[in-house]
Amino acid sequence: MTARFSELIQIMENEFIPEWRDIRDTLIFDDVEEFASQVNRQGLKFACEILTDWSGTVLRQLQAMELENLSSVFGTFPELIKQIRQSEK
Protein backbone atom coordinates (compact mmCIF):
# COMPACT_ATOMS: atom_id res chain seq x y z
CA MET A 1 0.00 0.00 0.00
CA THR A 2 1.37 3.40 -0.89
CA ALA A 3 2.09 5.93 1.82
CA ARG A 4 -0.54 8.23 0.31
CA PHE A 5 -3.28 5.66 0.69
CA SER A 6 -2.09 4.82 4.21
CA GLU A 7 -2.45 8.52 5.04
CA LEU A 8 -5.90 8.61 3.44
CA ILE A 9 -7.09 5.56 5.40
CA GLN A 10 -5.83 7.11 8.65
CA ILE A 11 -7.74 10.33 7.91
CA MET A 12 -10.88 8.35 7.07
CA GLU A 13 -10.71 6.19 10.20
CA ASN A 14 -9.66 8.87 12.69
CA GLU A 15 -11.57 11.91 11.46
CA PHE A 16 -14.36 10.80 9.16
CA ILE A 17 -15.73 7.65 10.82
CA PRO A 18 -16.52 9.38 14.16
CA GLU A 19 -18.25 12.22 12.28
CA TRP A 20 -20.10 9.71 10.07
CA ARG A 21 -21.41 7.90 13.16
CA ASP A 22 -22.87 11.14 14.50
CA ILE A 23 -24.51 12.06 11.19
CA ARG A 24 -25.86 8.65 10.16
CA ASP A 25 -28.40 8.54 12.97
CA THR A 26 -29.92 11.94 12.24
CA LEU A 27 -29.22 12.41 8.50
CA ILE A 28 -29.62 16.17 8.85
CA PHE A 29 -29.29 17.40 5.26
CA ASP A 30 -26.79 20.18 5.96
CA ASP A 31 -24.57 17.78 7.90
CA VAL A 32 -24.81 15.10 5.22
CA GLU A 33 -24.02 17.63 2.50
CA GLU A 34 -21.00 19.01 4.36
CA PHE A 35 -19.72 15.50 5.14
CA ALA A 36 -20.09 14.36 1.52
CA SER A 37 -18.32 17.52 0.35
CA GLN A 38 -15.43 16.86 2.74
CA VAL A 39 -15.20 13.27 1.51
CA ASN A 40 -15.19 14.55 -2.06
CA ARG A 41 -12.33 16.96 -1.30
CA GLN A 42 -10.27 14.11 0.17
CA GLY A 43 -11.12 11.95 -2.83
CA LEU A 44 -9.88 14.65 -5.18
CA LYS A 45 -6.80 15.37 -3.07
CA PHE A 46 -5.79 11.70 -3.04
CA ALA A 47 -7.12 10.92 -6.55
CA CYS A 48 -9.38 8.27 -5.03
CA GLU A 49 -12.30 7.51 -7.31
CA ILE A 50 -14.02 5.37 -4.65
CA LEU A 51 -14.52 8.49 -2.52
CA THR A 52 -15.47 10.87 -5.30
CA ASP A 53 -18.01 8.39 -6.69
CA TRP A 54 -19.58 7.85 -3.26
CA SER A 55 -19.76 11.54 -2.41
CA GLY A 56 -21.21 12.37 -5.84
CA THR A 57 -23.94 9.79 -5.34
CA VAL A 58 -24.78 11.11 -1.88
CA LEU A 59 -24.95 14.71 -3.11
CA ARG A 60 -27.16 13.75 -6.08
CA GLN A 61 -29.52 11.85 -3.78
CA LEU A 62 -29.70 14.83 -1.43
CA GLN A 63 -30.63 17.15 -4.29
CA ALA A 64 -33.27 14.72 -5.56
CA MET A 65 -34.60 14.13 -2.02
CA GLU A 66 -34.17 10.37 -2.41
CA LEU A 67 -34.25 9.71 1.31
CA GLU A 68 -34.41 5.92 1.27
CA ASN A 69 -31.51 5.61 -1.15
CA LEU A 70 -29.60 8.32 0.68
CA SER A 71 -29.86 6.46 3.96
CA SER A 72 -28.61 3.19 2.50
CA VAL A 73 -25.77 4.76 0.49
CA PHE A 74 -24.70 6.94 3.43
CA GLY A 75 -24.63 3.79 5.55
CA THR A 76 -22.03 2.20 3.27
CA PHE A 77 -19.32 4.72 4.16
CA PRO A 78 -17.21 2.33 6.33
CA GLU A 79 -17.12 -0.08 3.38
CA LEU A 80 -15.21 2.53 1.39
CA ILE A 81 -12.19 2.14 3.65
CA LYS A 82 -12.17 -1.61 2.99
CA GLN A 83 -12.45 -0.96 -0.75
CA ILE A 84 -9.54 1.48 -0.63
CA ARG A 85 -7.41 -1.07 1.24
CA GLN A 86 -8.25 -3.80 -1.28
CA SER A 87 -7.64 -1.57 -4.28
CA GLU A 88 -4.08 -0.97 -3.10
CA LYS A 89 -3.12 -4.64 -2.70
PDB file of N, CA and C in Angstrom:
ATOM      1  N   MET A   1       0.850  -1.184   0.000  1.00  0.00           N
ATOM      2  CA  MET A   1       0.000   0.000   0.000  1.00  0.00           C
ATOM      3  C   MET A   1       0.893   1.244   0.000  1.00  0.00           C
ATOM      4  N   THR A   2       0.551   2.186  -0.806  1.00  0.00           N
ATOM      5  CA  THR A   2       1.366   3.398  -0.889  1.00  0.00           C
ATOM      6  C   THR A   2       1.181   4.239   0.377  1.00  0.00           C
ATOM      7  N   ALA A   3       2.162   5.057   0.646  1.00  0.00           N
ATOM      8  CA  ALA A   3       2.091   5.934   1.823  1.00  0.00           C
ATOM      9  C   ALA A   3       0.892   6.871   1.721  1.00  0.00           C
ATOM     10  N   ARG A   4       0.604   7.327   0.502  1.00  0.00           N
ATOM     11  CA  ARG A   4      -0.535   8.233   0.314  1.00  0.00           C
ATOM     12  C   ARG A   4      -1.850   7.578   0.730  1.00  0.00           C
ATOM     13  N   PHE A   5      -2.028   6.325   0.331  1.00  0.00           N
ATOM     14  CA  PHE A   5      -3.277   5.655   0.694  1.00  0.00           C
ATOM     15  C   PHE A   5      -3.299   5.306   2.171  1.00  0.00           C
ATOM     16  N   SER A   6      -2.145   5.038   2.767  1.00  0.00           N
ATOM     17  CA  SER A   6      -2.094   4.823   4.214  1.00  0.00           C
ATOM     18  C   SER A   6      -2.542   6.087   4.938  1.00  0.00           C
ATOM     19  N   GLU A   7      -2.060   7.231   4.451  1.00  0.00           N
ATOM     20  CA  GLU A   7      -2.453   8.516   5.042  1.00  0.00           C
ATOM     21  C   GLU A   7      -3.954   8.739   4.881  1.00  0.00           C
ATOM     22  N   LEU A   8      -4.473   8.452   3.702  1.00  0.00           N
ATOM     23  CA  LEU A   8      -5.898   8.614   3.444  1.00  0.00           C
ATOM     24  C   LEU A   8      -6.724   7.734   4.379  1.00  0.00           C
ATOM     25  N   ILE A   9      -6.341   6.487   4.528  1.00  0.00           N
ATOM     26  CA  ILE A   9      -7.088   5.564   5.399  1.00  0.00           C
ATOM     27  C   ILE A   9      -7.059   6.059   6.837  1.00  0.00           C
ATOM     28  N   GLN A  10      -5.914   6.561   7.286  1.00  0.00           N
ATOM     29  CA  GLN A  10      -5.834   7.114   8.652  1.00  0.00           C
ATOM     30  C   GLN A  10      -6.796   8.279   8.823  1.00  0.00           C
ATOM     31  N   ILE A  11      -6.827   9.178   7.850  1.00  0.00           N
ATOM     32  CA  ILE A  11      -7.741  10.325   7.911  1.00  0.00           C
ATOM     33  C   ILE A  11      -9.180   9.827   7.971  1.00  0.00           C
ATOM     34  N   MET A  12      -9.509   8.865   7.111  1.00  0.00           N
ATOM     35  CA  MET A  12     -10.881   8.346   7.068  1.00  0.00           C
ATOM     36  C   MET A  12     -11.265   7.718   8.410  1.00  0.00           C
ATOM     37  N   GLU A  13     -10.380   6.899   8.960  1.00  0.00           N
ATOM     38  CA  GLU A  13     -10.709   6.194  10.201  1.00  0.00           C
ATOM     39  C   GLU A  13     -10.732   7.122  11.412  1.00  0.00           C
ATOM     40  N   ASN A  14      -9.795   8.045  11.488  1.00  0.00           N
ATOM     41  CA  ASN A  14      -9.661   8.866  12.690  1.00  0.00           C
ATOM     42  C   ASN A  14     -10.551  10.098  12.693  1.00  0.00           C
ATOM     43  N   GLU A  15     -10.793  10.673  11.516  1.00  0.00           N
ATOM     44  CA  GLU A  15     -11.575  11.906  11.460  1.00  0.00           C
ATOM     45  C   GLU A  15     -12.981  11.685  10.919  1.00  0.00           C
ATOM     46  N   PHE A  16     -13.083  10.905   9.855  1.00  0.00           N
ATOM     47  CA  PHE A  16     -14.364  10.804   9.161  1.00  0.00           C
ATOM     48  C   PHE A  16     -15.321   9.797   9.791  1.00  0.00           C
ATOM     49  N   ILE A  17     -14.822   8.657  10.234  1.00  0.00           N
ATOM     50  CA  ILE A  17     -15.726   7.646  10.815  1.00  0.00           C
ATOM     51  C   ILE A  17     -16.453   8.181  12.054  1.00  0.00           C
ATOM     52  N   PRO A  18     -15.766   8.845  13.002  1.00  0.00           N
ATOM     53  CA  PRO A  18     -16.522   9.377  14.157  1.00  0.00           C
ATOM     54  C   PRO A  18     -17.594  10.384  13.735  1.00  0.00           C
ATOM     55  N   GLU A  19     -17.280  11.232  12.772  1.00  0.00           N
ATOM     56  CA  GLU A  19     -18.254  12.216  12.280  1.00  0.00           C
ATOM     57  C   GLU A  19     -19.409  11.505  11.567  1.00  0.00           C
ATOM     58  N   TRP A  20     -19.072  10.489  10.777  1.00  0.00           N
ATOM     59  CA  TRP A  20     -20.096   9.713  10.073  1.00  0.00           C
ATOM     60  C   TRP A  20     -21.072   9.075  11.058  1.00  0.00           C
ATOM     61  N   ARG A  21     -20.535   8.529  12.153  1.00  0.00           N
ATOM     62  CA  ARG A  21     -21.405   7.895  13.157  1.00  0.00           C
ATOM     63  C   ARG A  21     -22.419   8.885  13.713  1.00  0.00           C
ATOM     64  N   ASP A  22     -21.962  10.115  13.969  1.00  0.00           N
ATOM     65  CA  ASP A  22     -22.871  11.137  14.501  1.00  0.00           C
ATOM     66  C   ASP A  22     -23.966  11.487  13.490  1.00  0.00           C
ATOM     67  N   ILE A  23     -23.589  11.597  12.230  1.00  0.00           N
ATOM     68  CA  ILE A  23     -24.511  12.055  11.189  1.00  0.00           C
ATOM     69  C   ILE A  23     -25.487  10.958  10.763  1.00  0.00           C
ATOM     70  N   ARG A  24     -25.031   9.723  10.733  1.00  0.00           N
ATOM     71  CA  ARG A  24     -25.858   8.649  10.159  1.00  0.00           C
ATOM     72  C   ARG A  24     -27.167   8.447  10.913  1.00  0.00           C
ATOM     73  N   ASP A  25     -27.176   8.746  12.196  1.00  0.00           N
ATOM     74  CA  ASP A  25     -28.403   8.538  12.974  1.00  0.00           C
ATOM     75  C   ASP A  25     -29.441   9.621  12.725  1.00  0.00           C
ATOM     76  N   THR A  26     -28.984  10.836  12.413  1.00  0.00           N
ATOM     77  CA  THR A  26     -29.923  11.943  12.241  1.00  0.00           C
ATOM     78  C   THR A  26     -30.180  12.266  10.770  1.00  0.00           C
ATOM     79  N   LEU A  27     -29.161  12.076   9.929  1.00  0.00           N
ATOM     80  CA  LEU A  27     -29.221  12.412   8.500  1.00  0.00           C
ATOM     81  C   LEU A  27     -29.753  13.828   8.262  1.00  0.00           C
ATOM     82  N   ILE A  28     -29.268  14.764   9.061  1.00  0.00           N
ATOM     83  CA  ILE A  28     -29.615  16.169   8.845  1.00  0.00           C
ATOM     84  C   ILE A  28     -28.955  16.602   7.540  1.00  0.00           C
ATOM     85  N   PHE A  29     -29.770  17.121   6.619  1.00  0.00           N
ATOM     86  CA  PHE A  29     -29.291  17.405   5.256  1.00  0.00           C
ATOM     87  C   PHE A  29     -28.026  18.238   5.218  1.00  0.00           C
ATOM     88  N   ASP A  30     -27.982  19.319   5.989  1.00  0.00           N
ATOM     89  CA  ASP A  30     -26.793  20.180   5.957  1.00  0.00           C
ATOM     90  C   ASP A  30     -25.550  19.416   6.391  1.00  0.00           C
ATOM     91  N   ASP A  31     -25.702  18.570   7.414  1.00  0.00           N
ATOM     92  CA  ASP A  31     -24.567  17.778   7.902  1.00  0.00           C
ATOM     93  C   ASP A  31     -24.135  16.750   6.856  1.00  0.00           C
ATOM     94  N   VAL A  32     -25.107  16.091   6.245  1.00  0.00           N
ATOM     95  CA  VAL A  32     -24.807  15.098   5.218  1.00  0.00           C
ATOM     96  C   VAL A  32     -24.091  15.768   4.039  1.00  0.00           C
ATOM     97  N   GLU A  33     -24.603  16.920   3.633  1.00  0.00           N
ATOM     98  CA  GLU A  33     -24.021  17.628   2.501  1.00  0.00           C
ATOM     99  C   GLU A  33     -22.580  18.057   2.796  1.00  0.00           C
ATOM    100  N   GLU A  34     -22.349  18.586   3.982  1.00  0.00           N
ATOM    101  CA  GLU A  34     -20.996  19.011   4.359  1.00  0.00           C
ATOM    102  C   GLU A  34     -20.055  17.809   4.432  1.00  0.00           C
ATOM    103  N   PHE A  35     -20.541  16.710   5.023  1.00  0.00           N
ATOM    104  CA  PHE A  35     -19.722  15.501   5.137  1.00  0.00           C
ATOM    105  C   PHE A  35     -19.356  14.973   3.754  1.00  0.00           C
ATOM    106  N   ALA A  36     -20.340  14.864   2.872  1.00  0.00           N
ATOM    107  CA  ALA A  36     -20.089  14.360   1.519  1.00  0.00           C
ATOM    108  C   ALA A  36     -19.120  15.285   0.774  1.00  0.00           C
ATOM    109  N   SER A  37     -19.236  16.575   0.993  1.00  0.00           N
ATOM    110  CA  SER A  37     -18.322  17.522   0.355  1.00  0.00           C
ATOM    111  C   SER A  37     -16.900  17.346   0.871  1.00  0.00           C
ATOM    112  N   GLN A  38     -16.763  17.109   2.169  1.00  0.00           N
ATOM    113  CA  GLN A  38     -15.434  16.860   2.744  1.00  0.00           C
ATOM    114  C   GLN A  38     -14.836  15.563   2.190  1.00  0.00           C
ATOM    115  N   VAL A  39     -15.664  14.540   2.080  1.00  0.00           N
ATOM    116  CA  VAL A  39     -15.200  13.269   1.514  1.00  0.00           C
ATOM    117  C   VAL A  39     -14.758  13.488   0.067  1.00  0.00           C
ATOM    118  N   ASN A  40     -15.534  14.264  -0.673  1.00  0.00           N
ATOM    119  CA  ASN A  40     -15.193  14.553  -2.064  1.00  0.00           C
ATOM    120  C   ASN A  40     -13.838  15.265  -2.158  1.00  0.00           C
ATOM    121  N   ARG A  41     -13.618  16.243  -1.278  1.00  0.00           N
ATOM    122  CA  ARG A  41     -12.328  16.959  -1.299  1.00  0.00           C
ATOM    123  C   ARG A  41     -11.166  16.014  -1.035  1.00  0.00           C
ATOM    124  N   GLN A  42     -11.335  15.086  -0.092  1.00  0.00           N
ATOM    125  CA  GLN A  42     -10.273  14.110   0.175  1.00  0.00           C
ATOM    126  C   GLN A  42     -10.081  13.187  -1.028  1.00  0.00           C
ATOM    127  N   GLY A  43     -11.194  12.801  -1.646  1.00  0.00           N
ATOM    128  CA  GLY A  43     -11.117  11.948  -2.828  1.00  0.00           C
ATOM    129  C   GLY A  43     -10.346  12.622  -3.952  1.00  0.00           C
ATOM    130  N   LEU A  44     -10.599  13.907  -4.147  1.00  0.00           N
ATOM    131  CA  LEU A  44      -9.884  14.654  -5.183  1.00  0.00           C
ATOM    132  C   LEU A  44      -8.410  14.822  -4.805  1.00  0.00           C
ATOM    133  N   LYS A  45      -8.169  15.155  -3.548  1.00  0.00           N
ATOM    134  CA  LYS A  45      -6.798  15.374  -3.074  1.00  0.00           C
ATOM    135  C   LYS A  45      -5.936  14.122  -3.261  1.00  0.00           C
ATOM    136  N   PHE A  46      -6.539  12.951  -2.971  1.00  0.00           N
ATOM    137  CA  PHE A  46      -5.791  11.697  -3.043  1.00  0.00           C
ATOM    138  C   PHE A  46      -6.052  10.937  -4.343  1.00  0.00           C
ATOM    139  N   ALA A  47      -6.765  11.563  -5.271  1.00  0.00           N
ATOM    140  CA  ALA A  47      -7.120  10.916  -6.547  1.00  0.00           C
ATOM    141  C   ALA A  47      -7.736   9.543  -6.302  1.00  0.00           C
ATOM    142  N   CYS A  48      -8.728   9.521  -5.421  1.00  0.00           N
ATOM    143  CA  CYS A  48      -9.378   8.269  -5.031  1.00  0.00           C
ATOM    144  C   CYS A  48     -10.814   8.272  -5.554  1.00  0.00           C
ATOM    145  N   GLU A  49     -11.005   7.550  -6.645  1.00  0.00           N
ATOM    146  CA  GLU A  49     -12.305   7.511  -7.311  1.00  0.00           C
ATOM    147  C   GLU A  49     -13.397   6.912  -6.422  1.00  0.00           C
ATOM    148  N   ILE A  50     -13.035   5.991  -5.558  1.00  0.00           N
ATOM    149  CA  ILE A  50     -14.015   5.372  -4.652  1.00  0.00           C
ATOM    150  C   ILE A  50     -14.718   6.461  -3.836  1.00  0.00           C
ATOM    151  N   LEU A  51     -13.948   7.425  -3.349  1.00  0.00           N
ATOM    152  CA  LEU A  51     -14.522   8.492  -2.521  1.00  0.00           C
ATOM    153  C   LEU A  51     -15.299   9.513  -3.347  1.00  0.00           C
ATOM    154  N   THR A  52     -14.759   9.877  -4.492  1.00  0.00           N
ATOM    155  CA  THR A  52     -15.471  10.873  -5.305  1.00  0.00           C
ATOM    156  C   THR A  52     -16.773  10.298  -5.856  1.00  0.00           C
ATOM    157  N   ASP A  53     -16.776   9.024  -6.223  1.00  0.00           N
ATOM    158  CA  ASP A  53     -18.015   8.386  -6.691  1.00  0.00           C
ATOM    159  C   ASP A  53     -19.074   8.371  -5.586  1.00  0.00           C
ATOM    160  N   TRP A  54     -18.653   7.949  -4.389  1.00  0.00           N
ATOM    161  CA  TRP A  54     -19.582   7.854  -3.257  1.00  0.00           C
ATOM    162  C   TRP A  54     -20.156   9.224  -2.923  1.00  0.00           C
ATOM    163  N   SER A  55     -19.286  10.212  -2.797  1.00  0.00           N
ATOM    164  CA  SER A  55     -19.761  11.541  -2.413  1.00  0.00           C
ATOM    165  C   SER A  55     -20.668  12.129  -3.490  1.00  0.00           C
ATOM    166  N   GLY A  56     -20.357  11.886  -4.752  1.00  0.00           N
ATOM    167  CA  GLY A  56     -21.210  12.366  -5.844  1.00  0.00           C
ATOM    168  C   GLY A  56     -22.595  11.753  -5.771  1.00  0.00           C
ATOM    169  N   THR A  57     -22.649  10.478  -5.472  1.00  0.00           N
ATOM    170  CA  THR A  57     -23.941   9.787  -5.342  1.00  0.00           C
ATOM    171  C   THR A  57     -24.743  10.368  -4.181  1.00  0.00           C
ATOM    172  N   VAL A  58     -24.095  10.557  -3.043  1.00  0.00           N
ATOM    173  CA  VAL A  58     -24.785  11.114  -1.876  1.00  0.00           C
ATOM    174  C   VAL A  58     -25.326  12.513  -2.182  1.00  0.00           C
ATOM    175  N   LEU A  59     -24.506  13.343  -2.806  1.00  0.00           N
ATOM    176  CA  LEU A  59     -24.945  14.713  -3.112  1.00  0.00           C
ATOM    177  C   LEU A  59     -26.091  14.728  -4.116  1.00  0.00           C
ATOM    178  N   ARG A  60     -26.046  13.846  -5.105  1.00  0.00           N
ATOM    179  CA  ARG A  60     -27.157  13.754  -6.076  1.00  0.00           C
ATOM    180  C   ARG A  60     -28.441  13.312  -5.381  1.00  0.00           C
ATOM    181  N   GLN A  61     -28.330  12.341  -4.480  1.00  0.00           N
ATOM    182  CA  GLN A  61     -29.520  11.853  -3.777  1.00  0.00           C
ATOM    183  C   GLN A  61     -30.099  12.925  -2.854  1.00  0.00           C
ATOM    184  N   LEU A  62     -29.229  13.714  -2.259  1.00  0.00           N
ATOM    185  CA  LEU A  62     -29.697  14.832  -1.435  1.00  0.00           C
ATOM    186  C   LEU A  62     -30.507  15.810  -2.282  1.00  0.00           C
ATOM    187  N   GLN A  63     -29.964  16.186  -3.420  1.00  0.00           N
ATOM    188  CA  GLN A  63     -30.634  17.146  -4.295  1.00  0.00           C
ATOM    189  C   GLN A  63     -31.970  16.620  -4.787  1.00  0.00           C
ATOM    190  N   ALA A  64     -32.033  15.318  -5.047  1.00  0.00           N
ATOM    191  CA  ALA A  64     -33.266  14.715  -5.563  1.00  0.00           C
ATOM    192  C   ALA A  64     -34.218  14.301  -4.437  1.00  0.00           C
ATOM    193  N   MET A  65     -33.800  14.507  -3.192  1.00  0.00           N
ATOM    194  CA  MET A  65     -34.601  14.127  -2.019  1.00  0.00           C
ATOM    195  C   MET A  65     -34.930  12.633  -1.997  1.00  0.00           C
ATOM    196  N   GLU A  66     -33.990  11.821  -2.421  1.00  0.00           N
ATOM    197  CA  GLU A  66     -34.174  10.366  -2.409  1.00  0.00           C
ATOM    198  C   GLU A  66     -33.755   9.830  -1.043  1.00  0.00           C
ATOM    199  N   LEU A  67     -34.627   9.981  -0.073  1.00  0.00           N
ATOM    200  CA  LEU A  67     -34.250   9.710   1.307  1.00  0.00           C
ATOM    201  C   LEU A  67     -33.918   8.253   1.588  1.00  0.00           C
ATOM    202  N   GLU A  68     -34.693   7.334   1.029  1.00  0.00           N
ATOM    203  CA  GLU A  68     -34.405   5.920   1.267  1.00  0.00           C
ATOM    204  C   GLU A  68     -33.050   5.532   0.716  1.00  0.00           C
ATOM    205  N   ASN A  69     -32.797   5.920  -0.528  1.00  0.00           N
ATOM    206  CA  ASN A  69     -31.509   5.611  -1.145  1.00  0.00           C
ATOM    207  C   ASN A  69     -30.374   6.318  -0.419  1.00  0.00           C
ATOM    208  N   LEU A  70     -30.615   7.549  -0.025  1.00  0.00           N
ATOM    209  CA  LEU A  70     -29.595   8.317   0.684  1.00  0.00           C
ATOM    210  C   LEU A  70     -29.183   7.602   1.961  1.00  0.00           C
ATOM    211  N   SER A  71     -30.145   7.143   2.709  1.00  0.00           N
ATOM    212  CA  SER A  71     -29.860   6.455   3.963  1.00  0.00           C
ATOM    213  C   SER A  71     -29.014   5.208   3.731  1.00  0.00           C
ATOM    214  N   SER A  72     -29.366   4.424   2.731  1.00  0.00           N
ATOM    215  CA  SER A  72     -28.610   3.190   2.501  1.00  0.00           C
ATOM    216  C   SER A  72     -27.220   3.476   1.950  1.00  0.00           C
ATOM    217  N   VAL A  73     -27.098   4.439   1.030  1.00  0.00           N
ATOM    218  CA  VAL A  73     -25.770   4.764   0.491  1.00  0.00           C
ATOM    219  C   VAL A  73     -24.907   5.397   1.574  1.00  0.00           C
ATOM    220  N   PHE A  74     -25.477   6.306   2.360  1.00  0.00           N
ATOM    221  CA  PHE A  74     -24.700   6.939   3.430  1.00  0.00           C
ATOM    222  C   PHE A  74     -24.195   5.884   4.406  1.00  0.00           C
ATOM    223  N   GLY A  75     -25.007   4.863   4.630  1.00  0.00           N
ATOM    224  CA  GLY A  75     -24.630   3.792   5.552  1.00  0.00           C
ATOM    225  C   GLY A  75     -23.460   2.951   5.084  1.00  0.00           C
ATOM    226  N   THR A  76     -23.130   3.024   3.800  1.00  0.00           N
ATOM    227  CA  THR A  76     -22.029   2.197   3.272  1.00  0.00           C
ATOM    228  C   THR A  76     -20.654   2.825   3.469  1.00  0.00           C
ATOM    229  N   PHE A  77     -20.598   4.013   4.065  1.00  0.00           N
ATOM    230  CA  PHE A  77     -19.320   4.723   4.158  1.00  0.00           C
ATOM    231  C   PHE A  77     -18.166   3.876   4.713  1.00  0.00           C
ATOM    232  N   PRO A  78     -18.341   3.126   5.818  1.00  0.00           N
ATOM    233  CA  PRO A  78     -17.209   2.325   6.326  1.00  0.00           C
ATOM    234  C   PRO A  78     -16.684   1.311   5.307  1.00  0.00           C
ATOM    235  N   GLU A  79     -17.560   0.861   4.413  1.00  0.00           N
ATOM    236  CA  GLU A  79     -17.123  -0.082   3.375  1.00  0.00           C
ATOM    237  C   GLU A  79     -16.088   0.544   2.432  1.00  0.00           C
ATOM    238  N   LEU A  80     -16.143   1.861   2.285  1.00  0.00           N
ATOM    239  CA  LEU A  80     -15.207   2.533   1.386  1.00  0.00           C
ATOM    240  C   LEU A  80     -13.765   2.325   1.832  1.00  0.00           C
ATOM    241  N   ILE A  81     -13.547   2.332   3.140  1.00  0.00           N
ATOM    242  CA  ILE A  81     -12.187   2.143   3.655  1.00  0.00           C
ATOM    243  C   ILE A  81     -11.691   0.750   3.268  1.00  0.00           C
ATOM    244  N   LYS A  82     -12.553  -0.250   3.394  1.00  0.00           N
ATOM    245  CA  LYS A  82     -12.174  -1.614   2.989  1.00  0.00           C
ATOM    246  C   LYS A  82     -11.862  -1.661   1.496  1.00  0.00           C
ATOM    247  N   GLN A  83     -12.681  -0.982   0.702  1.00  0.00           N
ATOM    248  CA  GLN A  83     -12.445  -0.964  -0.751  1.00  0.00           C
ATOM    249  C   GLN A  83     -11.119  -0.300  -1.088  1.00  0.00           C
ATOM    250  N   ILE A  84     -10.812   0.786  -0.392  1.00  0.00           N
ATOM    251  CA  ILE A  84      -9.543   1.478  -0.635  1.00  0.00           C
ATOM    252  C   ILE A  84      -8.372   0.556  -0.295  1.00  0.00           C
ATOM    253  N   ARG A  85      -8.482  -0.124   0.845  1.00  0.00           N
ATOM    254  CA  ARG A  85      -7.414  -1.065   1.239  1.00  0.00           C
ATOM    255  C   ARG A  85      -7.223  -2.149   0.175  1.00  0.00           C
ATOM    256  N   GLN A  86      -8.334  -2.709  -0.293  1.00  0.00           N
ATOM    257  CA  GLN A  86      -8.253  -3.799  -1.280  1.00  0.00           C
ATOM    258  C   GLN A  86      -7.734  -3.302  -2.627  1.00  0.00           C
ATOM    259  N   SER A  87      -8.062  -2.079  -2.984  1.00  0.00           N
ATOM    260  CA  SER A  87      -7.635  -1.569  -4.281  1.00  0.00           C
ATOM    261  C   SER A  87      -6.130  -1.329  -4.321  1.00  0.00           C
ATOM    262  N   GLU A  88      -5.524  -1.241  -3.178  1.00  0.00           N
ATOM    263  CA  GLU A  88      -4.085  -0.966  -3.104  1.00  0.00           C
ATOM    264  C   GLU A  88      -3.244  -2.223  -2.979  1.00  0.00           C
ATOM    265  N   LYS A  89      -3.892  -3.386  -2.868  1.00  0.00           N
ATOM    266  CA  LYS A  89      -3.120  -4.638  -2.696  1.00  0.00           C
ATOM    267  C   LYS A  89      -2.602  -5.135  -4.009  1.00  0.00           C
TER     268      LYS A  89
END
